[in-house]
Amino acid sequence: DAWAAYLDGREEDAKALALEAARASPEDKWLWWLAAEIPYRRDELAEAAGLFDRVHQLDPTLLVPNVALVTSLGAAGRLDRIREIASRLDAFGADRADVLVSLCFARLWFDRAGAVEACERASRLGGGAVPANYLAIALLNAGDRGRLEAHLRTMEADAGPLSFVWFV
């Protein structure tokens, strides 16, 4: 009902319905994710951050909510909380590609070298295209032009012509 209300343009009703459903099932990460998505899509990032944080507490391995949480916190200048999330992710899964991709994204906000390292580990563990894309961003942010160009050539050889449109 909440997503249908959102798609119908009844955004306030959608927010209320989604939050009501999440509160009725406090351990359901998917309902909290939905409740967070609506304010996030409305650029109500402070509200979204609190809800995405609930998703993170329930399951710190989910990439999309982690990216939205970190983005929301970063937009508010809350780098301290992003560092806490990165520490939790680092302790949670140094050998898990899914966790390392989230760690890479979090570290993009405050630790360029750490972001590169996390992205590289995620890629080595078979994390797919997302850590490869984040690695390109991390290398760009780190100013490592030589490694970035080599990485982009490898990505193009593996996947064909590159498109970073979704990062713009």
Protein backbone atom coordinates (compact mmCIF):
# COMPACT_ATOMS: atom_id res chain seq x y z
CA ASP A 1 0.00 0.00 0.00
CA ALA A 2 2.79 2.42 0.87
CA TRP A 3 4.64 2.07 -2.42
CA ALA A 4 1.38 2.26 -4.38
CA ALA A 5 0.55 5.50 -2.56
CA TYR A 6 4.01 6.83 -3.38
CA LEU A 7 3.65 5.95 -7.05
CA ASP A 8 0.21 7.60 -7.05
CA GLY A 9 1.82 10.82 -5.85
CA ARG A 10 0.43 10.60 -2.32
CA GLU A 11 3.86 10.88 -0.75
CA GLU A 12 2.81 11.91 2.75
CA ASP A 13 0.36 9.00 2.92
CA ALA A 14 3.08 6.72 1.60
CA LYS A 15 5.54 7.85 4.30
CA ALA A 16 2.97 7.28 7.03
CA LEU A 17 1.96 3.85 5.74
CA ALA A 18 5.53 2.67 5.31
CA LEU A 19 6.56 3.86 8.75
CA GLU A 20 3.48 2.27 10.32
CA ALA A 21 4.31 -1.06 8.65
CA ALA A 22 7.95 -0.90 9.75
CA ARG A 23 7.03 -0.10 13.34
CA ALA A 24 4.56 -3.01 13.35
CA SER A 25 7.41 -5.35 12.32
CA PRO A 26 10.49 -3.91 14.03
CA GLU A 27 12.80 -6.73 12.88
CA ASP A 28 11.80 -6.60 9.20
CA LYS A 29 14.70 -4.95 7.39
CA TRP A 30 12.77 -4.82 4.14
CA LEU A 31 9.94 -2.74 5.66
CA TRP A 32 12.45 -0.35 7.25
CA TRP A 33 14.18 -0.07 3.88
CA LEU A 34 10.89 0.88 2.24
CA ALA A 35 10.16 3.36 5.02
CA ALA A 36 13.59 4.93 4.43
CA GLU A 37 13.34 5.03 0.65
CA ILE A 38 10.40 7.39 0.55
CA PRO A 39 12.00 10.29 2.46
CA TYR A 40 15.31 9.56 0.70
CA ARG A 41 13.69 9.98 -2.70
CA ARG A 42 12.13 13.24 -1.44
CA ASP A 43 15.58 14.54 -0.38
CA GLU A 44 14.54 14.43 3.26
CA LEU A 45 17.94 13.04 4.10
CA ALA A 46 17.96 13.55 7.86
CA GLU A 47 14.76 11.55 8.20
CA ALA A 48 16.00 8.93 5.75
CA ALA A 49 19.32 8.55 7.57
CA GLY A 50 17.60 7.50 10.80
CA LEU A 51 15.53 4.92 8.98
CA PHE A 52 18.42 3.59 6.91
CA ASP A 53 20.41 3.36 10.12
CA ARG A 54 17.73 0.97 11.41
CA VAL A 55 18.20 -1.16 8.29
CA HIS A 56 21.96 -1.10 8.87
CA GLN A 57 21.51 -2.23 12.46
CA LEU A 58 19.31 -5.11 11.31
CA ASP A 59 21.59 -6.16 8.44
CA PRO A 60 24.89 -4.35 7.85
CA THR A 61 25.53 -6.32 4.64
CA LEU A 62 22.92 -4.63 2.42
CA LEU A 63 24.74 -2.44 -0.08
CA VAL A 64 21.97 -0.14 -1.37
CA PRO A 65 20.67 0.93 2.06
CA ASN A 66 24.26 1.34 3.27
CA VAL A 67 25.07 3.62 0.34
CA ALA A 68 21.91 5.65 0.97
CA LEU A 69 22.71 5.86 4.70
CA VAL A 70 26.26 7.03 4.12
CA THR A 71 25.15 9.49 1.43
CA SER A 72 22.50 10.93 3.76
CA LEU A 73 24.99 11.24 6.61
CA GLY A 74 27.66 12.71 4.34
CA ALA A 75 25.28 15.35 3.03
CA ALA A 76 24.70 16.40 6.64
CA GLY A 77 28.43 16.46 7.36
CA ARG A 78 28.15 13.60 9.84
CA LEU A 79 31.53 12.06 9.09
CA ASP A 80 31.83 10.81 12.67
CA ARG A 81 28.86 8.49 12.13
CA ILE A 82 30.24 7.38 8.76
CA ARG A 83 33.52 6.48 10.51
CA GLU A 84 31.55 4.43 13.06
CA ILE A 85 29.75 2.60 10.26
CA ALA A 86 33.06 1.93 8.51
CA SER A 87 34.53 0.54 11.73
CA ARG A 88 31.54 -1.76 12.15
CA LEU A 89 31.77 -2.93 8.56
CA ASP A 90 35.51 -3.49 8.84
CA ALA A 91 35.03 -5.65 11.93
CA PHE A 92 32.04 -7.44 10.44
CA GLY A 93 33.42 -8.80 7.24
CA ALA A 94 36.98 -8.20 6.12
CA ASP A 95 36.65 -11.30 3.94
CA ARG A 96 33.17 -10.68 2.50
CA ALA A 97 32.82 -8.89 -0.82
CA ASP A 98 29.34 -7.56 0.00
CA VAL A 99 30.52 -5.93 3.22
CA LEU A 100 33.73 -4.65 1.65
CA VAL A 101 31.80 -2.83 -1.08
CA SER A 102 29.83 -0.95 1.59
CA LEU A 103 33.07 -0.31 3.46
CA CYS A 104 34.67 1.05 0.31
CA PHE A 105 31.79 3.47 -0.22
CA ALA A 106 31.85 4.63 3.40
CA ARG A 107 35.60 5.24 3.29
CA LEU A 108 35.24 7.35 0.14
CA TRP A 109 33.98 10.06 2.50
CA PHE A 110 37.01 10.24 4.77
CA ASP A 111 39.82 7.79 3.90
CA ARG A 112 40.94 7.70 0.27
CA ALA A 113 43.62 5.06 0.73
CA GLY A 114 41.30 2.92 2.84
CA ALA A 115 38.60 3.18 0.18
CA VAL A 116 41.02 1.99 -2.50
CA GLU A 117 42.12 -0.92 -0.33
CA ALA A 118 38.56 -2.00 0.53
CA CYS A 119 37.47 -1.78 -3.11
CA GLU A 120 40.46 -3.83 -4.22
CA ARG A 121 39.72 -6.51 -1.63
CA ALA A 122 36.05 -6.61 -2.68
CA SER A 123 37.07 -6.96 -6.32
CA ARG A 124 39.51 -9.77 -5.53
CA LEU A 125 36.73 -11.60 -3.68
CA GLY A 126 34.46 -11.44 -6.72
CA GLY A 127 32.34 -8.45 -5.81
CA GLY A 128 31.44 -7.77 -9.44
CA ALA A 129 31.10 -4.47 -11.28
CA VAL A 130 30.11 -2.29 -8.33
CA PRO A 131 33.41 -2.50 -6.44
CA ALA A 132 35.24 -2.03 -9.73
CA ASN A 133 33.27 1.16 -10.33
CA TYR A 134 33.82 2.36 -6.76
CA LEU A 135 37.51 1.56 -7.11
CA ALA A 136 37.66 3.87 -10.12
CA ILE A 137 36.07 6.62 -8.02
CA ALA A 138 38.43 5.93 -5.11
CA LEU A 139 41.48 6.07 -7.38
CA LEU A 140 40.23 9.31 -8.91
CA ASN A 141 39.70 10.80 -5.43
CA ALA A 142 43.13 9.60 -4.34
CA GLY A 143 44.68 11.33 -7.35
CA ASP A 144 46.30 8.11 -8.53
CA ARG A 145 45.93 8.80 -12.25
CA GLY A 146 48.25 6.00 -13.39
CA ARG A 147 46.45 3.29 -11.44
CA LEU A 148 43.09 4.75 -12.45
CA GLU A 149 43.93 4.59 -16.16
CA ALA A 150 45.22 1.02 -15.82
CA HIS A 151 42.10 0.04 -13.86
CA LEU A 152 39.79 1.59 -16.45
CA ARG A 153 41.59 -0.29 -19.23
CA THR A 154 41.11 -3.54 -17.30
CA MET A 155 37.44 -2.75 -16.71
CA GLU A 156 36.93 -2.02 -20.40
CA ALA A 157 38.72 -5.22 -21.41
CA ASP A 158 36.49 -7.20 -19.03
CA ALA A 159 33.16 -5.52 -19.70
CA GLY A 160 33.38 -3.55 -22.94
CA PRO A 161 32.84 0.22 -23.25
CA LEU A 162 32.49 1.85 -19.85
CA SER A 163 29.55 3.87 -18.65
CA PHE A 164 29.58 5.74 -15.35
CA VAL A 165 26.29 7.52 -16.03
CA TRP A 166 24.72 6.27 -12.80
CA PHE A 167 27.48 7.94 -10.79
CA VAL A 168 26.75 11.41 -12.20
